[in-house]
């Protein structure tokens, strides 16, 4: 089993908040991330796929194909967008980095499988100090 990873980047705004709560309550829970005027990050996303090396091509999956999938299904929808308002697959989802990783997994898992590889993990770096890794499952 061989693991390969592709890195992509995107910049996006979001807000962590519960619409059932007041701005003061949201600020108490989510701090500055609840700013009603949004805030943003320069995200780095690392997508790792795994599989056997093809004897025909010498790879687990064509990295150009993986990049194309990520650009179509994720980057094109999220880059320079408001994650709460502009991204179809995040409608009604709290846009924490944890939930971003899960939603992105759901966007790309099937597409990667069509190319003979298996999605292993998604790592999203939100800041230089904070990142999330997701390995699928419930």
Protein backbone atom coordinates (compact mmCIF):
# COMPACT_ATOMS: atom_id res chain seq x y z
CA UNK A 1 0.00 0.00 0.00
CA UNK A 2 1.38 3.41 -1.03
CA UNK A 3 0.11 6.79 0.16
CA UNK A 4 0.37 9.97 -1.92
CA UNK A 5 -0.60 13.49 -0.90
CA UNK A 6 -1.63 16.55 -2.89
CA UNK A 7 -1.60 20.03 -1.33
CA UNK A 8 -3.99 22.75 -2.45
CA UNK A 9 -4.66 26.19 -0.99
CA UNK A 10 -7.72 28.38 -0.72
CA UNK A 11 -8.66 31.62 0.96
CA UNK A 12 -12.11 32.01 2.44
CA UNK A 13 -14.20 33.89 4.97
CA UNK A 14 -16.55 32.34 7.49
CA UNK A 15 -18.26 32.86 10.80
CA UNK A 16 -18.86 30.41 13.61
CA UNK A 17 -22.24 31.12 15.15
CA UNK A 18 -25.53 29.59 16.18
CA UNK A 19 -28.40 31.63 14.67
CA UNK A 20 -30.58 30.72 17.66
CA UNK A 21 -28.25 32.67 19.96
CA UNK A 22 -27.59 36.38 20.37
CA UNK A 23 -24.37 37.98 19.13
CA UNK A 24 -23.21 38.21 22.77
CA UNK A 25 -23.87 34.51 23.38
CA UNK A 26 -22.12 33.56 20.14
CA UNK A 27 -19.12 35.68 21.10
CA UNK A 28 -19.01 34.01 24.50
CA UNK A 29 -18.93 30.56 22.86
CA UNK A 30 -16.93 31.17 19.67
CA UNK A 31 -14.89 34.26 20.56
CA UNK A 32 -13.62 36.32 17.63
CA UNK A 33 -14.71 33.59 15.22
CA UNK A 34 -18.29 34.77 15.80
CA UNK A 35 -17.59 38.25 14.42
CA UNK A 36 -20.81 39.34 12.63
CA UNK A 37 -18.61 40.88 9.91
CA UNK A 38 -16.90 37.52 9.24
CA UNK A 39 -13.20 36.67 9.34
CA UNK A 40 -10.97 34.73 7.00
CA UNK A 41 -8.14 32.26 6.66
CA UNK A 42 -5.56 31.22 4.11
CA UNK A 43 -6.25 27.49 4.28
CA UNK A 44 -3.92 24.70 3.22
CA UNK A 45 -5.53 21.38 2.38
CA UNK A 46 -3.62 18.11 2.13
CA UNK A 47 -5.48 15.20 0.54
CA UNK A 48 -3.91 11.78 0.89
CA UNK A 49 -4.99 8.82 -1.19
CA UNK A 50 -3.78 5.25 -0.96
CA UNK A 51 -3.64 2.17 -3.09
CA UNK A 52 -1.44 -0.24 -4.92
CA UNK A 53 1.00 1.05 -7.49
CA UNK A 54 -0.22 0.38 -11.01
CA UNK A 55 2.22 -1.82 -12.93
CA UNK A 56 1.07 -0.04 -16.11
CA UNK A 57 1.59 3.57 -15.00
CA UNK A 58 3.77 3.31 -11.89
CA UNK A 59 1.44 5.36 -9.68
CA UNK A 60 -1.37 4.98 -7.17
CA UNK A 61 -3.33 7.71 -8.93
CA UNK A 62 -2.42 10.35 -11.46
CA UNK A 63 -1.71 13.45 -9.35
CA UNK A 64 -2.93 15.68 -12.18
CA UNK A 65 -6.28 13.90 -12.02
CA UNK A 66 -6.36 14.31 -8.24
CA UNK A 67 -5.58 18.01 -8.61
CA UNK A 68 -8.35 18.40 -11.20
CA UNK A 69 -10.87 16.73 -8.85
CA UNK A 70 -9.86 18.99 -5.98
CA UNK A 71 -10.06 22.12 -8.11
CA UNK A 72 -13.49 21.21 -9.49
CA UNK A 73 -15.14 19.84 -6.34
CA UNK A 74 -13.47 21.98 -3.64
CA UNK A 75 -11.16 24.84 -4.58
CA UNK A 76 -13.37 26.27 -7.33
CA UNK A 77 -16.30 26.34 -4.90
CA UNK A 78 -14.46 27.64 -1.81
CA UNK A 79 -11.60 29.89 -2.89
CA UNK A 80 -12.31 33.59 -2.22
CA UNK A 81 -15.80 32.73 -1.01
CA UNK A 82 -17.85 33.12 2.14
CA UNK A 83 -18.10 29.54 3.36
CA UNK A 84 -21.37 30.19 5.21
CA UNK A 85 -23.13 31.80 2.25
CA UNK A 86 -21.52 30.79 -1.05
CA UNK A 87 -20.65 27.08 -0.87
CA UNK A 88 -23.46 24.72 -1.86
CA UNK A 89 -22.18 21.72 0.09
CA UNK A 90 -21.82 23.76 3.30
CA UNK A 91 -25.38 25.15 3.44
CA UNK A 92 -26.66 24.80 7.00
CA UNK A 93 -23.31 23.46 8.29
CA UNK A 94 -21.31 25.09 11.09
CA UNK A 95 -18.17 26.01 9.17
CA UNK A 96 -15.63 24.79 11.70
CA UNK A 97 -12.48 23.31 10.23
CA UNK A 98 -13.62 19.91 11.47
CA UNK A 99 -16.84 20.19 9.47
CA UNK A 100 -14.96 21.49 6.42
CA UNK A 101 -12.82 18.34 6.41
CA UNK A 102 -15.88 16.09 6.64
CA UNK A 103 -17.77 17.99 3.92
CA UNK A 104 -14.76 17.94 1.59
CA UNK A 105 -14.35 14.21 2.17
CA UNK A 106 -17.96 13.69 1.11
CA UNK A 107 -17.39 15.81 -2.00
CA UNK A 108 -14.37 13.90 -3.29
CA UNK A 109 -14.39 10.33 -1.96
CA UNK A 110 -16.47 8.89 -4.81
CA UNK A 111 -14.53 10.73 -7.51
CA UNK A 112 -11.22 9.42 -6.21
CA UNK A 113 -12.57 5.86 -6.08
CA UNK A 114 -13.48 6.11 -9.79
CA UNK A 115 -9.75 6.42 -10.47
CA UNK A 116 -8.71 3.30 -8.59
CA UNK A 117 -7.49 4.92 -5.36
CA UNK A 118 -8.97 5.17 -1.90
CA UNK A 119 -9.25 8.43 0.04
CA UNK A 120 -7.12 8.05 3.19
CA UNK A 121 -7.19 11.46 4.87
CA UNK A 122 -7.88 15.15 4.60
CA UNK A 123 -5.77 17.59 6.57
CA UNK A 124 -6.78 21.24 6.67
CA UNK A 125 -4.44 23.80 8.16
CA UNK A 126 -6.49 26.81 9.26
CA UNK A 127 -3.64 28.75 10.88
CA UNK A 128 0.01 28.05 11.50
CA UNK A 129 -1.02 26.69 14.91
CA UNK A 130 -4.28 24.84 14.11
CA UNK A 131 -5.12 22.01 11.79
CA UNK A 132 -7.61 19.17 11.52
CA UNK A 133 -7.09 15.68 10.12
CA UNK A 134 -10.02 13.51 9.07
CA UNK A 135 -9.80 9.83 8.16
CA UNK A 136 -13.43 9.18 7.21
CA UNK A 137 -16.03 7.21 9.05
CA UNK A 138 -18.55 8.28 11.60
